[in-house]
Amino acid sequence: METQVCIGDLFRVGTAVLMAVQPRMPCYKQGIRLNDAGMVKQFVRARRSGIYFRVLEQGVLQVGDAITLLEPSAHAVTVQQVVDNFWLPDKDAAQVRAILAVPVLPAFWQRAFREIQAAL
């Protein structure tokens, strides 16, 4: 899913409308809780970060509800491209520029990618 969903895509799930806004990244604290210091690296290698959504219209969600794309993002930046260009050593300068052009990307990611861009 992370390779297909773009930052800014709008979805309907149940009666709610959601926008994909960023990858879900496990934090080192989960590794501590699970007694597995390599957990974050395992998530990166597995390329299954997950996705955080912003609620644009509240609604009711139920198990089994379809996830329907309402409107694709104006920016062709996938969740996986954000993850890869953040974690992996080989950064793609064009993708980093494209990521920085996505206005709905949260401030943390904007700051991180400005630093990545400056280092390229």
N, C-alpha and C. Protein backbone atom coordinates (compact mmCIF):
# COMPACT_ATOMS: atom_id res chain seq x y z
N MET A 1 0.82 -1.20 0.00
CA MET A 1 0.00 0.00 0.00
C MET A 1 0.87 1.26 0.00
N GLU A 2 1.99 1.23 0.75
CA GLU A 2 2.85 2.41 0.85
C GLU A 2 3.42 2.83 -0.50
N THR A 3 3.58 1.86 -1.42
CA THR A 3 4.12 2.16 -2.74
C THR A 3 3.06 2.73 -3.68
N GLN A 4 1.80 2.67 -3.29
CA GLN A 4 0.71 3.13 -4.15
C GLN A 4 0.05 4.41 -3.65
N VAL A 5 0.06 4.63 -2.34
CA VAL A 5 -0.61 5.80 -1.76
C VAL A 5 0.33 7.00 -1.80
N CYS A 6 -0.17 8.10 -2.31
CA CYS A 6 0.61 9.34 -2.36
C CYS A 6 0.22 10.25 -1.20
N ILE A 7 1.19 11.03 -0.75
CA ILE A 7 0.91 12.03 0.27
C ILE A 7 -0.10 13.02 -0.31
N GLY A 8 -1.22 13.18 0.36
CA GLY A 8 -2.27 14.08 -0.11
C GLY A 8 -3.45 13.37 -0.75
N ASP A 9 -3.36 12.05 -1.00
CA ASP A 9 -4.50 11.31 -1.53
C ASP A 9 -5.67 11.39 -0.55
N LEU A 10 -6.87 11.54 -1.08
CA LEU A 10 -8.09 11.57 -0.25
C LEU A 10 -8.84 10.26 -0.38
N PHE A 11 -9.29 9.73 0.75
CA PHE A 11 -9.99 8.46 0.79
C PHE A 11 -11.28 8.58 1.58
N ARG A 12 -12.24 7.75 1.21
CA ARG A 12 -13.44 7.57 2.04
C ARG A 12 -13.33 6.19 2.66
N VAL A 13 -13.54 6.15 3.97
CA VAL A 13 -13.59 4.90 4.71
C VAL A 13 -14.84 4.99 5.58
N GLY A 14 -15.80 4.12 5.33
CA GLY A 14 -17.08 4.27 6.01
C GLY A 14 -17.68 5.59 5.56
N THR A 15 -18.04 6.43 6.53
CA THR A 15 -18.59 7.74 6.18
C THR A 15 -17.57 8.85 6.41
N ALA A 16 -16.34 8.49 6.76
CA ALA A 16 -15.28 9.48 7.02
C ALA A 16 -14.47 9.75 5.75
N VAL A 17 -13.89 10.95 5.68
CA VAL A 17 -12.97 11.30 4.61
C VAL A 17 -11.61 11.55 5.25
N LEU A 18 -10.60 10.86 4.72
CA LEU A 18 -9.25 10.91 5.28
C LEU A 18 -8.25 11.31 4.21
N MET A 19 -7.16 11.97 4.64
CA MET A 19 -6.08 12.34 3.74
C MET A 19 -4.80 11.66 4.22
N ALA A 20 -4.09 11.00 3.32
CA ALA A 20 -2.79 10.41 3.64
C ALA A 20 -1.79 11.56 3.79
N VAL A 21 -1.14 11.66 4.96
CA VAL A 21 -0.25 12.80 5.19
C VAL A 21 1.20 12.44 5.52
N GLN A 22 1.45 11.20 5.98
CA GLN A 22 2.84 10.87 6.30
C GLN A 22 2.98 9.38 6.60
N PRO A 23 4.21 8.88 6.51
CA PRO A 23 4.43 7.50 6.92
C PRO A 23 4.31 7.38 8.43
N ARG A 24 3.96 6.20 8.88
CA ARG A 24 4.00 5.88 10.30
C ARG A 24 5.34 5.21 10.53
N MET A 25 6.12 5.79 11.39
CA MET A 25 7.45 5.26 11.65
C MET A 25 7.54 4.78 13.09
N PRO A 26 7.98 3.53 13.27
CA PRO A 26 8.13 3.06 14.65
C PRO A 26 9.24 3.84 15.34
N CYS A 27 9.11 4.03 16.62
CA CYS A 27 10.12 4.76 17.36
C CYS A 27 10.94 3.80 18.19
N TYR A 28 12.11 4.24 18.59
CA TYR A 28 13.03 3.40 19.35
C TYR A 28 12.39 2.89 20.64
N LYS A 29 11.41 3.62 21.18
CA LYS A 29 10.76 3.20 22.42
C LYS A 29 10.01 1.87 22.24
N GLN A 30 9.48 1.64 21.04
CA GLN A 30 8.83 0.36 20.79
C GLN A 30 9.85 -0.77 20.84
N GLY A 31 11.05 -0.51 20.33
CA GLY A 31 12.11 -1.50 20.40
C GLY A 31 12.48 -1.82 21.85
N ILE A 32 12.50 -0.80 22.69
CA ILE A 32 12.79 -1.01 24.11
C ILE A 32 11.69 -1.84 24.74
N ARG A 33 10.46 -1.47 24.47
CA ARG A 33 9.32 -2.19 25.06
C ARG A 33 9.29 -3.65 24.64
N LEU A 34 9.66 -3.90 23.38
CA LEU A 34 9.65 -5.26 22.86
C LEU A 34 11.00 -5.96 23.05
N ASN A 35 11.93 -5.26 23.71
CA ASN A 35 13.27 -5.79 23.95
C ASN A 35 13.95 -6.20 22.64
N ASP A 36 13.83 -5.33 21.62
CA ASP A 36 14.40 -5.59 20.30
C ASP A 36 14.95 -4.29 19.74
N ALA A 37 16.24 -4.04 19.97
CA ALA A 37 16.86 -2.80 19.53
C ALA A 37 16.88 -2.65 18.01
N GLY A 38 16.74 -3.74 17.28
CA GLY A 38 16.78 -3.69 15.82
C GLY A 38 15.42 -3.58 15.17
N MET A 39 14.37 -3.35 15.96
CA MET A 39 13.02 -3.34 15.43
C MET A 39 12.81 -2.26 14.36
N VAL A 40 13.30 -1.05 14.60
CA VAL A 40 13.10 0.03 13.63
C VAL A 40 13.74 -0.34 12.30
N LYS A 41 14.95 -0.88 12.35
CA LYS A 41 15.63 -1.30 11.11
C LYS A 41 14.85 -2.40 10.40
N GLN A 42 14.23 -3.28 11.15
CA GLN A 42 13.42 -4.34 10.53
C GLN A 42 12.24 -3.75 9.78
N PHE A 43 11.61 -2.74 10.35
CA PHE A 43 10.49 -2.08 9.67
C PHE A 43 10.96 -1.43 8.37
N VAL A 44 12.11 -0.77 8.42
CA VAL A 44 12.64 -0.10 7.23
C VAL A 44 12.95 -1.14 6.15
N ARG A 45 13.60 -2.22 6.53
CA ARG A 45 13.95 -3.28 5.56
C ARG A 45 12.70 -3.93 4.98
N ALA A 46 11.67 -4.08 5.78
CA ALA A 46 10.43 -4.72 5.32
C ALA A 46 9.63 -3.80 4.40
N ARG A 47 9.93 -2.50 4.43
CA ARG A 47 9.24 -1.50 3.60
C ARG A 47 7.73 -1.52 3.87
N ARG A 48 7.38 -1.59 5.15
CA ARG A 48 5.97 -1.58 5.55
C ARG A 48 5.79 -0.62 6.71
N SER A 49 5.93 0.63 6.43
CA SER A 49 5.88 1.64 7.48
C SER A 49 4.47 1.87 8.01
N GLY A 50 3.50 1.77 7.13
CA GLY A 50 2.15 2.18 7.48
C GLY A 50 1.95 3.64 7.11
N ILE A 51 0.75 4.13 7.31
CA ILE A 51 0.40 5.48 6.87
C ILE A 51 -0.43 6.16 7.94
N TYR A 52 -0.10 7.41 8.23
CA TYR A 52 -0.96 8.23 9.08
C TYR A 52 -1.88 9.04 8.18
N PHE A 53 -3.13 9.15 8.62
CA PHE A 53 -4.14 9.90 7.88
C PHE A 53 -4.64 11.06 8.73
N ARG A 54 -4.99 12.15 8.07
CA ARG A 54 -5.65 13.29 8.71
C ARG A 54 -7.15 13.14 8.46
N VAL A 55 -7.94 13.34 9.48
CA VAL A 55 -9.40 13.25 9.34
C VAL A 55 -9.90 14.59 8.82
N LEU A 56 -10.48 14.56 7.62
CA LEU A 56 -11.05 15.78 7.04
C LEU A 56 -12.54 15.90 7.32
N GLU A 57 -13.20 14.76 7.33
CA GLU A 57 -14.63 14.71 7.70
C GLU A 57 -14.82 13.53 8.64
N GLN A 58 -15.27 13.82 9.85
CA GLN A 58 -15.51 12.74 10.80
C GLN A 58 -16.63 11.85 10.29
N GLY A 59 -16.58 10.61 10.70
CA GLY A 59 -17.61 9.67 10.29
C GLY A 59 -17.52 8.40 11.09
N VAL A 60 -18.25 7.41 10.65
CA VAL A 60 -18.29 6.12 11.32
C VAL A 60 -17.53 5.11 10.47
N LEU A 61 -16.60 4.39 11.13
CA LEU A 61 -15.83 3.33 10.47
C LEU A 61 -16.20 2.01 11.11
N GLN A 62 -16.27 0.98 10.29
CA GLN A 62 -16.56 -0.35 10.81
C GLN A 62 -15.61 -1.35 10.16
N VAL A 63 -15.39 -2.45 10.84
CA VAL A 63 -14.57 -3.52 10.29
C VAL A 63 -15.16 -3.93 8.94
N GLY A 64 -14.31 -4.05 7.94
CA GLY A 64 -14.76 -4.47 6.62
C GLY A 64 -15.13 -3.34 5.69
N ASP A 65 -15.14 -2.08 6.18
CA ASP A 65 -15.45 -0.96 5.29
C ASP A 65 -14.41 -0.86 4.19
N ALA A 66 -14.87 -0.57 2.99
CA ALA A 66 -13.97 -0.38 1.86
C ALA A 66 -13.22 0.94 2.02
N ILE A 67 -12.01 0.96 1.50
CA ILE A 67 -11.21 2.18 1.44
C ILE A 67 -11.23 2.60 -0.03
N THR A 68 -11.87 3.74 -0.29
CA THR A 68 -12.08 4.20 -1.65
C THR A 68 -11.33 5.49 -1.90
N LEU A 69 -10.52 5.51 -2.95
CA LEU A 69 -9.82 6.73 -3.32
C LEU A 69 -10.84 7.73 -3.88
N LEU A 70 -10.94 8.88 -3.22
CA LEU A 70 -11.86 9.93 -3.69
C LEU A 70 -11.18 10.86 -4.67
N GLU A 71 -9.93 11.22 -4.34
CA GLU A 71 -9.20 12.18 -5.17
C GLU A 71 -7.71 11.94 -5.01
N PRO A 72 -7.02 11.70 -6.12
CA PRO A 72 -5.57 11.53 -6.00
C PRO A 72 -4.89 12.86 -5.68
N SER A 73 -3.75 12.76 -5.05
CA SER A 73 -2.97 13.94 -4.71
C SER A 73 -2.50 14.65 -5.98
N ALA A 74 -2.32 15.94 -5.88
CA ALA A 74 -1.74 16.70 -6.98
C ALA A 74 -0.24 16.46 -7.07
N HIS A 75 0.32 15.79 -6.06
CA HIS A 75 1.76 15.52 -5.98
C HIS A 75 1.98 14.02 -6.03
N ALA A 76 2.77 13.57 -6.99
CA ALA A 76 3.03 12.14 -7.17
C ALA A 76 4.19 11.68 -6.29
N VAL A 77 4.02 11.82 -4.99
CA VAL A 77 5.04 11.40 -4.02
C VAL A 77 4.41 10.33 -3.15
N THR A 78 4.92 9.10 -3.27
CA THR A 78 4.34 8.02 -2.48
C THR A 78 4.88 8.03 -1.05
N VAL A 79 4.14 7.38 -0.19
CA VAL A 79 4.57 7.22 1.20
C VAL A 79 5.92 6.51 1.22
N GLN A 80 6.09 5.50 0.36
CA GLN A 80 7.34 4.75 0.34
C GLN A 80 8.52 5.62 -0.10
N GLN A 81 8.31 6.53 -1.03
CA GLN A 81 9.40 7.43 -1.44
C GLN A 81 9.85 8.31 -0.28
N VAL A 82 8.92 8.74 0.55
CA VAL A 82 9.28 9.52 1.74
C VAL A 82 10.14 8.67 2.66
N VAL A 83 9.70 7.45 2.94
CA VAL A 83 10.44 6.55 3.83
C VAL A 83 11.82 6.25 3.27
N ASP A 84 11.88 5.87 2.01
CA ASP A 84 13.16 5.50 1.40
C ASP A 84 14.16 6.64 1.42
N ASN A 85 13.70 7.84 1.08
CA ASN A 85 14.61 8.99 1.03
C ASN A 85 14.98 9.51 2.40
N PHE A 86 14.24 9.08 3.42
CA PHE A 86 14.58 9.44 4.79
C PHE A 86 15.58 8.45 5.36
N TRP A 87 15.33 7.16 5.20
CA TRP A 87 16.12 6.13 5.87
C TRP A 87 17.27 5.57 5.07
N LEU A 88 17.10 5.39 3.78
CA LEU A 88 18.12 4.70 3.00
C LEU A 88 19.27 5.63 2.65
N PRO A 89 20.47 5.08 2.49
CA PRO A 89 21.64 5.94 2.26
C PRO A 89 21.66 6.64 0.90
N ASP A 90 21.10 6.00 -0.13
CA ASP A 90 21.10 6.61 -1.46
C ASP A 90 19.86 7.47 -1.63
N LYS A 91 20.04 8.78 -1.55
CA LYS A 91 18.92 9.71 -1.69
C LYS A 91 18.76 10.08 -3.17
N ASP A 92 17.53 10.29 -3.59
CA ASP A 92 17.22 10.72 -4.95
C ASP A 92 16.91 12.21 -4.89
N ALA A 93 17.81 13.04 -5.42
CA ALA A 93 17.66 14.50 -5.33
C ALA A 93 16.34 14.99 -5.92
N ALA A 94 15.93 14.41 -7.04
CA ALA A 94 14.66 14.83 -7.66
C ALA A 94 13.48 14.47 -6.75
N GLN A 95 13.53 13.29 -6.13
CA GLN A 95 12.45 12.90 -5.23
C GLN A 95 12.45 13.77 -3.98
N VAL A 96 13.62 14.12 -3.48
CA VAL A 96 13.69 15.00 -2.30
C VAL A 96 13.05 16.35 -2.63
N ARG A 97 13.33 16.89 -3.81
CA ARG A 97 12.70 18.16 -4.22
C ARG A 97 11.18 17.99 -4.31
N ALA A 98 10.73 16.87 -4.88
CA ALA A 98 9.29 16.62 -5.01
C ALA A 98 8.63 16.49 -3.64
N ILE A 99 9.31 15.82 -2.72
CA ILE A 99 8.77 15.68 -1.36
C ILE A 99 8.61 17.04 -0.71
N LEU A 100 9.61 17.90 -0.87
CA LEU A 100 9.54 19.23 -0.26
C LEU A 100 8.45 20.10 -0.89
N ALA A 101 7.98 19.74 -2.06
CA ALA A 101 6.93 20.52 -2.73
C ALA A 101 5.52 20.13 -2.28
N VAL A 102 5.40 19.11 -1.43
CA VAL A 102 4.08 18.65 -0.98
C VAL A 102 3.68 19.48 0.24
N PRO A 103 2.70 20.37 0.10
CA PRO A 103 2.37 21.28 1.20
C PRO A 103 1.72 20.62 2.41
N VAL A 104 1.10 19.45 2.24
CA VAL A 104 0.43 18.81 3.39
C VAL A 104 1.37 17.96 4.22
N LEU A 105 2.62 17.82 3.79
CA LEU A 105 3.58 17.04 4.57
C LEU A 105 3.87 17.78 5.87
N PRO A 106 3.73 17.10 7.03
CA PRO A 106 3.91 17.76 8.32
C PRO A 106 5.29 18.40 8.49
N ALA A 107 5.36 19.35 9.41
CA ALA A 107 6.56 20.17 9.63
C ALA A 107 7.80 19.34 9.93
N PHE A 108 7.67 18.25 10.71
CA PHE A 108 8.84 17.42 11.00
C PHE A 108 9.48 16.93 9.73
N TRP A 109 8.67 16.43 8.81
CA TRP A 109 9.19 15.89 7.55
C TRP A 109 9.76 16.99 6.68
N GLN A 110 9.12 18.15 6.67
CA GLN A 110 9.64 19.28 5.89
C GLN A 110 11.05 19.65 6.38
N ARG A 111 11.20 19.74 7.71
CA ARG A 111 12.52 20.07 8.28
C ARG A 111 13.55 19.00 7.94
N ALA A 112 13.16 17.75 8.10
CA ALA A 112 14.09 16.63 7.82
C ALA A 112 14.54 16.65 6.37
N PHE A 113 13.62 16.90 5.46
CA PHE A 113 13.99 16.88 4.04
C PHE A 113 14.73 18.13 3.59
N ARG A 114 14.54 19.24 4.28
CA ARG A 114 15.39 20.40 3.99
C ARG A 114 16.83 20.10 4.38
N GLU A 115 17.01 19.40 5.50
CA GLU A 115 18.37 19.00 5.93
C GLU A 115 18.96 17.98 4.95
N ILE A 116 18.17 17.04 4.51
CA ILE A 116 18.64 16.05 3.53
C ILE A 116 19.04 16.75 2.24
N GLN A 117 18.20 17.69 1.79
CA GLN A 117 18.50 18.40 0.55
C GLN A 117 19.79 19.20 0.68
N ALA A 118 20.00 19.81 1.81
CA ALA A 118 21.21 20.61 2.01
C ALA A 118 22.46 19.74 1.99
N ALA A 119 22.31 18.47 2.38
CA ALA A 119 23.47 17.57 2.42
C ALA A 119 23.76 16.92 1.06
N LEU A 120 22.84 17.05 0.11
CA LEU A 120 23.06 16.42 -1.21
C LEU A 120 24.05 17.19 -2.06
